[in-house]
C-alpha atoms as a PDB file:
ATOM      1  CA  MET A   1      57.367  -7.666  28.217  1.00  0.00           C
ATOM      2  CA  SER A   2      56.750  -9.959  31.815  1.00  0.00           C
ATOM      3  CA  SER A   3      58.019 -13.248  30.959  1.00  0.00           C
ATOM      4  CA  ALA A   4      54.823 -14.854  32.717  1.00  0.00           C
ATOM      5  CA  SER A   5      50.878 -14.631  30.783  1.00  0.00           C
ATOM      6  CA  ARG A   6      48.517 -13.149  32.591  1.00  0.00           C
ATOM      7  CA  VAL A   7      45.647 -15.814  29.655  1.00  0.00           C
ATOM      8  CA  TRP A   8      44.604 -19.314  31.638  1.00  0.00           C
ATOM      9  CA  THR A   9      43.000 -21.999  29.738  1.00  0.00           C
ATOM     10  CA  ALA A  10      40.854 -24.612  31.160  1.00  0.00           C
ATOM     11  CA  ILE A  11      42.716 -27.262  28.989  1.00  0.00           C
ATOM     12  CA  ASP A  12      45.453 -29.811  30.043  1.00  0.00           C
ATOM     13  CA  PHE A  13      47.766 -30.049  27.603  1.00  0.00           C
ATOM     14  CA  ASN A  14      49.185 -32.962  28.466  1.00  0.00           C
ATOM     15  CA  ALA A  15      45.946 -34.908  28.769  1.00  0.00           C
ATOM     16  CA  ASP A  16      44.927 -37.442  25.840  1.00  0.00           C
ATOM     17  CA  GLY A  17      41.775 -36.993  24.278  1.00  0.00           C
ATOM     18  CA  LYS A  18      39.907 -33.957  22.958  1.00  0.00           C
ATOM     19  CA  GLN A  19      39.719 -30.668  24.439  1.00  0.00           C
ATOM     20  CA  ALA A  20      37.892 -27.304  23.683  1.00  0.00           C
ATOM     21  CA  ASP A  21      38.260 -24.481  26.029  1.00  0.00           C
ATOM     22  CA  TYR A  22      39.519 -20.724  25.698  1.00  0.00           C
ATOM     23  CA  MET A  23      42.342 -18.688  26.025  1.00  0.00           C
ATOM     24  CA  ARG A  24      40.783 -16.476  28.606  1.00  0.00           C
ATOM     25  CA  VAL A  25      41.838 -13.000  28.261  1.00  0.00           C
ATOM     26  CA  PRO A  26      41.771 -10.907  31.458  1.00  0.00           C
ATOM     27  CA  TYR A  27      39.825  -7.714  30.431  1.00  0.00           C
ATOM     28  CA  SER A  28      38.133  -5.437  32.716  1.00  0.00           C
ATOM     29  CA  SER A  29      35.590  -3.354  30.750  1.00  0.00           C
ATOM     30  CA  ASP A  30      32.148  -1.013  31.985  1.00  0.00           C
ATOM     31  CA  LYS A  31      30.595  -3.744  31.303  1.00  0.00           C
ATOM     32  CA  SER A  32      32.432  -6.149  33.057  1.00  0.00           C
ATOM     33  CA  ALA A  33      34.641  -5.439  36.107  1.00  0.00           C
ATOM     34  CA  TYR A  34      36.513  -9.066  36.159  1.00  0.00           C
ATOM     35  CA  GLY A  35      35.864 -10.365  32.802  1.00  0.00           C
ATOM     36  CA  TRP A  36      37.672 -11.948  29.813  1.00  0.00           C
ATOM     37  CA  ILE A  37      38.026 -12.447  26.219  1.00  0.00           C
ATOM     38  CA  PRO A  38      37.215 -15.908  25.196  1.00  0.00           C
ATOM     39  CA  VAL A  39      39.260 -17.155  22.853  1.00  0.00           C
ATOM     40  CA  PRO A  40      38.807 -20.740  21.298  1.00  0.00           C
ATOM     41  CA  LEU A  41      41.358 -23.313  21.772  1.00  0.00           C
ATOM     42  CA  VAL A  42      40.923 -27.435  20.737  1.00  0.00           C
ATOM     43  CA  CYS A  43      43.632 -29.502  22.392  1.00  0.00           C
ATOM     44  CA  VAL A  44      43.930 -33.308  20.381  1.00  0.00           C
ATOM     45  CA  ARG A  45      46.555 -35.046  21.912  1.00  0.00           C
ATOM     46  CA  ASN A  46      47.285 -39.135  21.297  1.00  0.00           C
ATOM     47  CA  GLY A  47      50.549 -40.353  23.587  1.00  0.00           C
ATOM     48  CA  ASP A  48      53.798 -38.466  23.351  1.00  0.00           C
ATOM     49  CA  GLY A  49      55.012 -37.147  20.101  1.00  0.00           C
ATOM     50  CA  PRO A  50      55.709 -33.923  18.410  1.00  0.00           C
ATOM     51  CA  THR A  51      53.083 -30.556  18.124  1.00  0.00           C
ATOM     52  CA  VAL A  52      51.514 -28.675  15.867  1.00  0.00           C
ATOM     53  CA  LEU A  53      49.866 -25.311  16.204  1.00  0.00           C
ATOM     54  CA  LEU A  54      47.174 -24.031  13.523  1.00  0.00           C
ATOM     55  CA  THR A  55      45.960 -20.768  14.025  1.00  0.00           C
ATOM     56  CA  ALA A  56      43.776 -18.790  11.504  1.00  0.00           C
ATOM     57  CA  GLY A  57      41.439 -15.851  12.536  1.00  0.00           C
ATOM     58  CA  ASN A  58      44.752 -13.892  13.241  1.00  0.00           C
ATOM     59  CA  HIS A  59      43.147 -11.107  10.957  1.00  0.00           C
ATOM     60  CA  GLY A  60      39.132 -11.611  11.711  1.00  0.00           C
ATOM     61  CA  ASP A  61      37.798 -10.997   8.146  1.00  0.00           C
ATOM     62  CA  GLU A  62      39.790 -13.746   6.599  1.00  0.00           C
ATOM     63  CA  TYR A  63      37.370 -16.620   6.597  1.00  0.00           C
ATOM     64  CA  GLU A  64      39.337 -19.843   4.422  1.00  0.00           C
ATOM     65  CA  GLY A  65      41.566 -20.202   7.551  1.00  0.00           C
ATOM     66  CA  GLN A  66      38.790 -20.266   9.714  1.00  0.00           C
ATOM     67  CA  VAL A  67      35.958 -22.950   8.150  1.00  0.00           C
ATOM     68  CA  ALA A  68      39.058 -24.800   7.583  1.00  0.00           C
ATOM     69  CA  LEU A  69      40.096 -25.207  11.198  1.00  0.00           C
ATOM     70  CA  LEU A  70      36.481 -24.989  12.621  1.00  0.00           C
ATOM     71  CA  ARG A  71      36.200 -27.872  10.104  1.00  0.00           C
ATOM     72  CA  LEU A  72      39.305 -30.017  11.173  1.00  0.00           C
ATOM     73  CA  ALA A  73      38.567 -29.420  15.170  1.00  0.00           C
ATOM     74  CA  ARG A  74      35.073 -31.115  14.200  1.00  0.00           C
ATOM     75  CA  GLU A  75      36.086 -34.541  12.587  1.00  0.00           C
ATOM     76  CA  LEU A  76      39.596 -34.863  14.250  1.00  0.00           C
ATOM     77  CA  ASP A  77      39.165 -38.418  16.229  1.00  0.00           C
ATOM     78  CA  ALA A  78      41.927 -38.485  18.834  1.00  0.00           C
ATOM     79  CA  SER A  79      42.432 -42.075  18.243  1.00  0.00           C
ATOM     80  CA  ALA A  80      43.419 -41.204  15.138  1.00  0.00           C
ATOM     81  CA  VAL A  81      46.216 -38.905  16.352  1.00  0.00           C
ATOM     82  CA  ARG A  82      50.059 -39.201  17.209  1.00  0.00           C
ATOM     83  CA  GLY A  83      51.215 -36.506  19.208  1.00  0.00           C
ATOM     84  CA  ARG A  84      49.368 -33.307  20.303  1.00  0.00           C
ATOM     85  CA  ILE A  85      47.453 -30.214  17.124  1.00  0.00           C
ATOM     86  CA  LEU A  86      46.630 -27.214  19.012  1.00  0.00           C
ATOM     87  CA  ILE A  87      44.090 -25.461  17.107  1.00  0.00           C
ATOM     88  CA  ALA A  88      42.987 -22.005  17.573  1.00  0.00           C
ATOM     89  CA  PRO A  89      40.078 -21.181  14.759  1.00  0.00           C
ATOM     90  CA  ALA A  90      39.847 -17.402  15.563  1.00  0.00           C
ATOM     91  CA  LEU A  91      42.619 -16.685  17.280  1.00  0.00           C
ATOM     92  CA  ASN A  92      41.899 -12.298  17.502  1.00  0.00           C
ATOM     93  CA  PHE A  93      38.574 -13.067  18.578  1.00  0.00           C
ATOM     94  CA  PRO A  94      36.961  -9.461  19.197  1.00  0.00           C
ATOM     95  CA  ALA A  95      38.148  -9.400  15.489  1.00  0.00           C
ATOM     96  CA  VAL A  96      36.890 -12.395  14.106  1.00  0.00           C
ATOM     97  CA  ALA A  97      33.147 -11.466  16.122  1.00  0.00           C
ATOM     98  CA  ALA A  98      33.116  -8.483  14.188  1.00  0.00           C
ATOM     99  CA  GLY A  99      33.956  -8.930  11.061  1.00  0.00           C
ATOM    100  CA  ARG A 100      37.117  -7.116  11.058  1.00  0.00           C
ATOM    101  CA  ARG A 101      40.919  -6.669  10.453  1.00  0.00           C
ATOM    102  CA  THR A 102      41.588  -5.224  13.695  1.00  0.00           C
ATOM    103  CA  SER A 103      40.519  -5.490  17.137  1.00  0.00           C
ATOM    104  CA  PRO A 104      37.536  -3.661  18.418  1.00  0.00           C
ATOM    105  CA  ILE A 105      38.643  -3.329  21.725  1.00  0.00           C
ATOM    106  CA  ASP A 106      42.409  -1.861  21.340  1.00  0.00           C
ATOM    107  CA  ASP A 107      42.638  -1.434  17.326  1.00  0.00           C
ATOM    108  CA  GLY A 108      44.990  -3.619  18.114  1.00  0.00           C
ATOM    109  CA  ASN A 109      46.839  -5.593  14.796  1.00  0.00           C
ATOM    110  CA  LEU A 110      47.643  -8.570  16.441  1.00  0.00           C
ATOM    111  CA  ASN A 111      49.836 -10.163  13.192  1.00  0.00           C
ATOM    112  CA  ARG A 112      52.005  -6.706  14.246  1.00  0.00           C
ATOM    113  CA  LEU A 113      52.184  -7.170  17.485  1.00  0.00           C
ATOM    114  CA  PHE A 114      54.341 -10.458  18.137  1.00  0.00           C
ATOM    115  CA  PRO A 115      56.515 -11.264  20.409  1.00  0.00           C
ATOM    116  CA  GLY A 116      53.342  -9.316  22.820  1.00  0.00           C
ATOM    117  CA  ASP A 117      53.095  -7.931  25.909  1.00  0.00           C
ATOM    118  CA  ALA A 118      51.746  -9.646  29.131  1.00  0.00           C
ATOM    119  CA  ASN A 119      50.593  -6.508  30.386  1.00  0.00           C
ATOM    120  CA  GLY A 120      49.276  -4.892  27.479  1.00  0.00           C
ATOM    121  CA  ALA A 121      46.185  -4.358  25.875  1.00  0.00           C
ATOM    122  CA  PRO A 122      44.299  -7.871  25.056  1.00  0.00           C
ATOM    123  CA  THR A 123      46.001  -8.299  21.332  1.00  0.00           C
ATOM    124  CA  ALA A 124      49.444  -7.710  22.784  1.00  0.00           C
ATOM    125  CA  MET A 125      48.059 -10.521  25.170  1.00  0.00           C
ATOM    126  CA  ILE A 126      47.009 -12.930  22.421  1.00  0.00           C
ATOM    127  CA  ALA A 127      50.602 -12.291  20.966  1.00  0.00           C
ATOM    128  CA  HIS A 128      52.701 -13.318  23.925  1.00  0.00           C
ATOM    129  CA  TYR A 129      50.645 -16.525  25.092  1.00  0.00           C
ATOM    130  CA  VAL A 130      50.875 -17.468  21.983  1.00  0.00           C
ATOM    131  CA  GLN A 131      54.752 -16.622  22.093  1.00  0.00           C
ATOM    132  CA  THR A 132      55.514 -17.834  25.673  1.00  0.00           C
ATOM    133  CA  VAL A 133      52.524 -20.948  25.859  1.00  0.00           C
ATOM    134  CA  LEU A 134      52.444 -22.214  22.850  1.00  0.00           C
ATOM    135  CA  PHE A 135      55.461 -21.770  20.711  1.00  0.00           C
ATOM    136  CA  PRO A 136      57.186 -23.427  23.129  1.00  0.00           C
ATOM    137  CA  LEU A 137      55.008 -26.304  23.162  1.00  0.00           C
ATOM    138  CA  SER A 138      55.559 -26.029  19.092  1.00  0.00           C
ATOM    139  CA  ASP A 139      57.151 -28.385  16.569  1.00  0.00           C
ATOM    140  CA  LEU A 140      55.627 -27.052  13.330  1.00  0.00           C
ATOM    141  CA  VAL A 141      53.584 -23.880  12.887  1.00  0.00           C
ATOM    142  CA  ILE A 142      50.947 -22.844  10.522  1.00  0.00           C
ATOM    143  CA  ASP A 143      48.663 -19.496  10.994  1.00  0.00           C
ATOM    144  CA  LEU A 144      46.288 -19.619   8.091  1.00  0.00           C
ATOM    145  CA  HIS A 145      45.057 -16.284   6.202  1.00  0.00           C
ATOM    146  CA  SER A 146      43.808 -14.414   3.701  1.00  0.00           C
ATOM    147  CA  GLY A 147      43.696 -10.760   1.559  1.00  0.00           C
ATOM    148  CA  GLY A 148      40.844  -9.830   3.864  1.00  0.00           C
ATOM    149  CA  LYS A 149      38.467  -6.973   3.170  1.00  0.00           C
ATOM    150  CA  SER A 150      40.920  -4.443   1.178  1.00  0.00           C
ATOM    151  CA  LEU A 151      43.311  -7.243  -1.063  1.00  0.00           C
ATOM    152  CA  GLU A 152      42.462  -9.999  -3.153  1.00  0.00           C
ATOM    153  CA  TYR A 153      45.312 -13.224  -3.649  1.00  0.00           C
ATOM    154  CA  THR A 154      46.494 -15.597  -5.599  1.00  0.00           C
ATOM    155  CA  PRO A 155      46.389 -18.497  -3.155  1.00  0.00           C
ATOM    156  CA  CYS A 156      49.479 -19.281  -1.904  1.00  0.00           C
ATOM    157  CA  ALA A 157      51.325 -20.396   0.731  1.00  0.00           C
ATOM    158  CA  LEU A 158      54.343 -17.633   2.152  1.00  0.00           C
ATOM    159  CA  ALA A 159      57.694 -18.535   5.023  1.00  0.00           C
ATOM    160  CA  ARG A 160      60.337 -16.626   5.902  1.00  0.00           C
ATOM    161  CA  HIS A 161      63.933 -17.906   5.169  1.00  0.00           C
ATOM    162  CA  GLY A 162      65.792 -20.182   7.802  1.00  0.00           C
ATOM    163  CA  ARG A 163      68.378 -18.892   9.779  1.00  0.00           C
ATOM    164  CA  ASP A 164      70.244 -21.403   8.664  1.00  0.00           C
ATOM    165  CA  ALA A 165      71.117 -23.705   5.699  1.00  0.00           C
ATOM    166  CA  ALA A 166      69.382 -26.856   8.062  1.00  0.00           C
ATOM    167  CA  ALA A 167      66.076 -24.415   8.984  1.00  0.00           C
ATOM    168  CA  GLN A 168      65.573 -23.511   5.398  1.00  0.00           C
ATOM    169  CA  ALA A 169      65.458 -27.076   4.143  1.00  0.00           C
ATOM    170  CA  GLU A 170      63.093 -27.648   6.484  1.00  0.00           C
ATOM    171  CA  ILE A 171      61.227 -24.633   5.864  1.00  0.00           C
ATOM    172  CA  LEU A 172      61.301 -25.321   1.780  1.00  0.00           C
ATOM    173  CA  GLU A 173      59.748 -28.865   2.931  1.00  0.00           C
ATOM    174  CA  LEU A 174      56.941 -27.484   4.963  1.00  0.00           C
ATOM    175  CA  LEU A 175      56.013 -25.405   1.533  1.00  0.00           C
ATOM    176  CA  GLU A 176      56.314 -28.752  -0.975  1.00  0.00           C
ATOM    177  CA  VAL A 177      53.953 -31.039   1.581  1.00  0.00           C
ATOM    178  CA  PHE A 178      51.473 -28.181   2.033  1.00  0.00           C
ATOM    179  CA  GLY A 179      51.699 -27.885  -1.652  1.00  0.00           C
ATOM    180  CA  ALA A 180      49.693 -24.526  -2.445  1.00  0.00           C
ATOM    181  CA  PRO A 181      49.531 -23.676  -6.351  1.00  0.00           C
ATOM    182  CA  LEU A 182      52.744 -20.678  -5.459  1.00  0.00           C
ATOM    183  CA  SER A 183      54.638 -20.305  -2.483  1.00  0.00           C
ATOM    184  CA  ILE A 184      56.700 -17.457  -1.532  1.00  0.00           C
ATOM    185  CA  GLN A 185      59.568 -17.096   0.412  1.00  0.00           C
ATOM    186  CA  THR A 186      59.725 -13.057   1.762  1.00  0.00           C
ATOM    187  CA  THR A 187      61.805 -11.250   4.047  1.00  0.00           C
ATOM    188  CA  GLY A 188      58.427  -9.584   5.395  1.00  0.00           C
ATOM    189  CA  GLU A 189      59.502  -6.346   3.691  1.00  0.00           C
ATOM    190  CA  GLY A 190      56.480  -4.174   3.298  1.00  0.00           C
ATOM    191  CA  GLY A 191      54.599  -6.379   5.554  1.00  0.00           C
ATOM    192  CA  GLY A 192      54.644  -6.455   9.244  1.00  0.00           C
ATOM    193  CA  ALA A 193      58.687  -7.281   9.377  1.00  0.00           C
ATOM    194  CA  SER A 194      59.362  -9.534  12.362  1.00  0.00           C
ATOM    195  CA  THR A 195      56.553  -8.741  14.098  1.00  0.00           C
ATOM    196  CA  THR A 196      53.996 -11.550  12.306  1.00  0.00           C
ATOM    197  CA  LEU A 197      53.181 -14.686  14.560  1.00  0.00           C
ATOM    198  CA  TYR A 198      54.981 -17.174  11.872  1.00  0.00           C
ATOM    199  CA  ALA A 199      58.149 -15.020  11.678  1.00  0.00           C
ATOM    200  CA  ALA A 200      57.963 -15.324  14.861  1.00  0.00           C
ATOM    201  CA  ALA A 201      58.055 -18.718  15.310  1.00  0.00           C
ATOM    202  CA  THR A 202      60.513 -18.976  12.646  1.00  0.00           C
ATOM    203  CA  GLN A 203      62.753 -16.702  14.436  1.00  0.00           C
ATOM    204  CA  LEU A 204      62.199 -19.571  17.393  1.00  0.00           C
ATOM    205  CA  GLY A 205      63.788 -21.953  15.270  1.00  0.00           C
ATOM    206  CA  ILE A 206      60.415 -23.330  14.147  1.00  0.00           C
ATOM    207  CA  PRO A 207      59.191 -24.557  10.582  1.00  0.00           C
ATOM    208  CA  ALA A 208      55.771 -22.052  10.012  1.00  0.00           C
ATOM    209  CA  LEU A 209      54.231 -20.975   6.858  1.00  0.00           C
ATOM    210  CA  THR A 210      51.426 -18.873   6.143  1.00  0.00           C
ATOM    211  CA  THR A 211      48.563 -18.224   3.513  1.00  0.00           C
ATOM    212  CA  GLU A 212      47.007 -15.962   1.662  1.00  0.00           C
ATOM    213  CA  LEU A 213      43.516 -17.925   0.082  1.00  0.00           C
ATOM    214  CA  GLY A 214      41.470 -15.218  -1.027  1.00  0.00           C
ATOM    215  CA  GLY A 215      39.790 -12.087  -0.323  1.00  0.00           C
ATOM    216  CA  GLY A 216      37.376  -9.342  -0.309  1.00  0.00           C
ATOM    217  CA  GLY A 217      36.306  -9.985   2.770  1.00  0.00           C
ATOM    218  CA  THR A 218      34.566 -13.481   1.890  1.00  0.00           C
ATOM    219  CA  LEU A 219      35.267 -17.011   1.421  1.00  0.00           C
ATOM    220  CA  ILE A 220      36.224 -17.883  -2.176  1.00  0.00           C
ATOM    221  CA  PRO A 221      35.402 -22.054  -2.698  1.00  0.00           C
ATOM    222  CA  LEU A 222      39.091 -21.745  -3.887  1.00  0.00           C
ATOM    223  CA  GLY A 223      41.205 -20.698  -0.873  1.00  0.00           C
ATOM    224  CA  LEU A 224      39.375 -23.243   1.459  1.00  0.00           C
ATOM    225  CA  ARG A 225      40.057 -26.098  -0.706  1.00  0.00           C
ATOM    226  CA  VAL A 226      43.969 -25.351  -0.755  1.00  0.00           C
ATOM    227  CA  ALA A 227      43.811 -24.601   3.140  1.00  0.00           C
ATOM    228  CA  GLU A 228      41.865 -27.784   3.989  1.00  0.00           C
ATOM    229  CA  GLN A 229      44.491 -30.291   2.029  1.00  0.00           C
ATOM    230  CA  GLY A 230      47.506 -28.416   2.650  1.00  0.00           C
ATOM    231  CA  VAL A 231      46.599 -28.722   6.314  1.00  0.00           C
ATOM    232  CA  ARG A 232      45.931 -32.434   5.879  1.00  0.00           C
ATOM    233  CA  ARG A 233      49.028 -33.015   3.992  1.00  0.00           C
ATOM    234  CA  VAL A 234      50.972 -31.496   6.306  1.00  0.00           C
ATOM    235  CA  LEU A 235      49.153 -33.536   9.564  1.00  0.00           C
ATOM    236  CA  LYS A 236      49.785 -37.224   7.307  1.00  0.00           C
ATOM    237  CA  HIS A 237      53.038 -36.459   5.982  1.00  0.00           C
ATOM    238  CA  TYR A 238      54.657 -35.870   9.828  1.00  0.00           C
ATOM    239  CA  GLY A 239      52.912 -37.975  11.209  1.00  0.00           C
ATOM    240  CA  TYR A 240      50.296 -36.481  13.457  1.00  0.00           C
ATOM    241  CA  VAL A 241      47.123 -38.320  11.192  1.00  0.00           C
ATOM    242  CA  PRO A 242      49.017 -40.643   9.723  1.00  0.00           C
ATOM    243  CA  GLY A 243      46.212 -42.425   8.383  1.00  0.00           C
ATOM    244  CA  LEU A 244      44.215 -39.127   6.205  1.00  0.00           C
ATOM    245  CA  ASP A 245      43.233 -39.445   2.634  1.00  0.00           C
ATOM    246  CA  VAL A 246      44.298 -36.502   1.002  1.00  0.00           C
ATOM    247  CA  GLU A 247      44.946 -35.605  -2.105  1.00  0.00           C
ATOM    248  CA  PRO A 248      48.680 -35.744  -3.985  1.00  0.00           C
ATOM    249  CA  ALA A 249      50.497 -31.943  -3.809  1.00  0.00           C
ATOM    250  CA  PRO A 250      51.263 -29.410  -7.003  1.00  0.00           C
ATOM    251  CA  PRO A 251      55.332 -29.647  -8.143  1.00  0.00           C
ATOM    252  CA  LEU A 252      56.455 -26.884  -5.546  1.00  0.00           C
ATOM    253  CA  ARG A 253      56.435 -23.597  -7.225  1.00  0.00           C
ATOM    254  CA  VAL A 254      58.144 -20.789  -5.156  1.00  0.00           C
ATOM    255  CA  LYS A 255      58.878 -17.542  -6.097  1.00  0.00           C
ATOM    256  CA  GLN A 256      60.796 -14.335  -3.881  1.00  0.00           C
ATOM    257  CA  SER A 257      59.180 -11.559  -2.412  1.00  0.00           C
ATOM    258  CA  GLN A 258      61.272  -8.495  -4.182  1.00  0.00           C
ATOM    259  CA  GLY A 259      60.685  -5.857  -1.712  1.00  0.00           C
ATOM    260  CA  ARG A 260      58.526  -2.423  -1.699  1.00  0.00           C
ATOM    261  CA  GLY A 261      60.095  -1.706  -5.503  1.00  0.00           C
ATOM    262  CA  HIS A 262      57.522  -4.827  -6.618  1.00  0.00           C
ATOM    263  CA  PHE A 263      54.201  -2.616  -5.038  1.00  0.00           C
ATOM    264  CA  LEU A 264      52.579  -0.201  -6.750  1.00  0.00           C
ATOM    265  CA  TYR A 265      50.798   2.057  -4.769  1.00  0.00           C
ATOM    266  CA  ALA A 266      47.784   4.661  -5.210  1.00  0.00           C
ATOM    267  CA  PRO A 267      49.864   7.849  -6.001  1.00  0.00           C
ATOM    268  CA  GLU A 268      46.240   9.982  -5.067  1.00  0.00           C
ATOM    269  CA  GLU A 269      42.677   9.312  -4.245  1.00  0.00           C
ATOM    270  CA  GLY A 270      40.221   8.075  -6.652  1.00  0.00           C
ATOM    271  CA  LEU A 271      38.452   5.036  -8.279  1.00  0.00           C
ATOM    272  CA  PHE A 272      40.770   1.994  -9.201  1.00  0.00           C
ATOM    273  CA  GLU A 273      40.228   0.397 -11.855  1.00  0.00           C
ATOM    274  CA  PRO A 274      42.135  -2.911 -12.104  1.00  0.00           C
ATOM    275  CA  LEU A 275      43.323  -4.366 -15.281  1.00  0.00           C
ATOM    276  CA  VAL A 276      45.521  -7.227 -14.269  1.00  0.00           C
ATOM    277  CA  ALA A 277      43.851 -10.545 -12.459  1.00  0.00           C
ATOM    278  CA  VAL A 278      45.780 -12.048 -10.050  1.00  0.00           C
ATOM    279  CA  GLY A 279      48.531 -14.476 -10.510  1.00  0.00           C
ATOM    280  CA  SER A 280      48.864 -13.014 -13.951  1.00  0.00           C
ATOM    281  CA  GLU A 281      52.782 -12.247 -15.541  1.00  0.00           C
ATOM    282  CA  VAL A 282      53.677  -8.818 -16.628  1.00  0.00           C
ATOM    283  CA  GLN A 283      56.331  -7.068 -17.081  1.00  0.00           C
ATOM    284  CA  ALA A 284      57.899  -3.521 -16.216  1.00  0.00           C
ATOM    285  CA  GLY A 285      56.085  -0.426 -17.752  1.00  0.00           C
ATOM    286  CA  GLN A 286      53.142  -2.653 -18.617  1.00  0.00           C
ATOM    287  CA  LEU A 287      49.676  -1.361 -17.971  1.00  0.00           C
ATOM    288  CA  ALA A 288      47.804  -2.193 -15.097  1.00  0.00           C
ATOM    289  CA  GLY A 289      44.868  -0.498 -14.427  1.00  0.00           C
ATOM    290  CA  TYR A 290      43.651   3.933 -14.385  1.00  0.00           C
ATOM    291  CA  LEU A 291      42.696   5.627 -11.306  1.00  0.00           C
ATOM    292  CA  HIS A 292      39.621   7.739 -11.800  1.00  0.00           C
ATOM    293  CA  PRO A 293      39.807  11.311 -10.157  1.00  0.00           C
ATOM    294  CA  HIS A 294      35.964  11.308  -8.787  1.00  0.00           C
ATOM    295  CA  HIS A 295      36.587  14.741  -7.273  1.00  0.00           C
ATOM    296  CA  THR A 296      37.367  15.987 -10.117  1.00  0.00           C
ATOM    297  CA  PRO A 297      35.092  14.889 -13.303  1.00  0.00           C
ATOM    298  CA  LEU A 298      36.363  16.269 -16.405  1.00  0.00           C
ATOM    299  CA  ARG A 299      40.158  15.480 -15.074  1.00  0.00           C
ATOM    300  CA  GLU A 300      41.607  11.970 -17.232  1.00  0.00           C
ATOM    301  CA  PRO A 301      42.699   9.504 -14.851  1.00  0.00           C
ATOM    302  CA  VAL A 302      45.558   8.194 -13.405  1.00  0.00           C
ATOM    303  CA  THR A 303      47.874   5.278 -15.593  1.00  0.00           C
ATOM    304  CA  LEU A 304      48.675   3.162 -13.382  1.00  0.00           C
ATOM    305  CA  ARG A 305      51.843   0.808 -14.900  1.00  0.00           C
ATOM    306  CA  PHE A 306      53.993  -1.792 -13.425  1.00  0.00           C
ATOM    307  CA  PRO A 307      56.602  -0.723 -11.728  1.00  0.00           C
ATOM    308  CA  ALA A 308      59.099  -4.207 -12.418  1.00  0.00           C
ATOM    309  CA  SER A 309      58.290  -7.408 -13.968  1.00  0.00           C
ATOM    310  CA  GLY A 310      57.079 -10.545 -11.997  1.00  0.00           C
ATOM    311  CA  ILE A 311      53.865 -12.228 -11.349  1.00  0.00           C
ATOM    312  CA  VAL A 312      50.740 -10.345  -9.213  1.00  0.00           C
ATOM    313  CA  SER A 313      50.230 -12.294  -6.431  1.00  0.00           C
ATOM    314  CA  CYS A 314      47.472  -9.742  -5.049  1.00  0.00           C
ATOM    315  CA  ARG A 315      45.247  -6.712  -6.040  1.00  0.00           C
ATOM    316  CA  ARG A 316      43.293  -3.419  -4.303  1.00  0.00           C
ATOM    317  CA  PHE A 317      40.016  -4.843  -3.411  1.00  0.00           C
ATOM    318  CA  PRO A 318      37.841  -2.197  -2.787  1.00  0.00           C
ATOM    319  CA  THR A 319      37.400   0.234  -5.550  1.00  0.00           C
ATOM    320  CA  LEU A 320      37.419   3.340  -3.293  1.00  0.00           C
ATOM    321  CA  THR A 321      41.360   4.224  -3.089  1.00  0.00           C
ATOM    322  CA  GLU A 322      43.688   7.029  -0.881  1.00  0.00           C
ATOM    323  CA  ARG A 323      46.820   7.345  -1.284  1.00  0.00           C
ATOM    324  CA  GLY A 324      49.381   5.325  -0.002  1.00  0.00           C
ATOM    325  CA  ASP A 325      46.826   2.414  -0.951  1.00  0.00           C
ATOM    326  CA  CYS A 326      48.780  -0.861  -1.975  1.00  0.00           C
ATOM    327  CA  LEU A 327      46.748  -1.611  -5.465  1.00  0.00           C
ATOM    328  CA  TYR A 328      49.317  -4.528  -6.340  1.00  0.00           C
ATOM    329  CA  ASN A 329      52.033  -6.507  -5.625  1.00  0.00           C
ATOM    330  CA  LEU A 330      54.377  -8.926  -7.440  1.00  0.00           C
ATOM    331  CA  VAL A 331      56.824 -11.652  -6.828  1.00  0.00           C
ATOM    332  CA  ALA A 332      59.642 -13.095  -9.408  1.00  0.00           C
END
């Protein structure tokens, strides 16, 4: 991995005021030999101080975070800011423009490519720019996600475990201030391990969280509200925008991800009939739903039961299902 990013921007990160430009990702294609991909970036700065990095659109079909950050970028007045706020509301822009989880240019899943590659495909170049240019500027990181087209989530915030006791305390404070209805600490098993944006930030010692705010490839009003209020609470609490009006956070409710033993996967293809809503508490062995074998009409459906006890954090959203698809995940 090269240490020097090939991505560039016209933004001066040390200049006061509100600036908007792009992470300009070099891309030579049949249509544009010397072109670049425009990844929107906003910098709001007012004097010396810490920096918070806010991202959304890491996956293009997840919308609550994108709308929350677009609204915030428009509304922020630089004179009310202390320090610096970096906003990337459409981080994997080709995926955002296509409404897809992954980039249509290189099939890159940005949230599985950290720390990236300066000389890789465009999605890996975006990851590398965040890792080598934006992370070194940042004191806090929030990466807003939702379930996309394939999952429905109960609105929650997720964080990795801190590298030591002090880092763990900082992460718990960030979760408490953000104030999602449910907070989850996770090892990343089953979902990207160390190659996600928030995991990469945590490994560098930067307090970071991500979210899951809805799903189904649409915008859920409750998820949007959780994103907007959570980000605003963070900006106020940490002194970036001291004058913001925010709602008080609910009491911190932290659960732990339990690894693959708390996932329910489809044992074969069929039509998924879910019987339990996200956010529900379930017991091991409880009926979870049915998988109807559409290819064999007289066969009885497969009975699905939860492999463990816990809270349903997400369920599969599409009905048509293939063997190996995640149907439910539980936290405890």
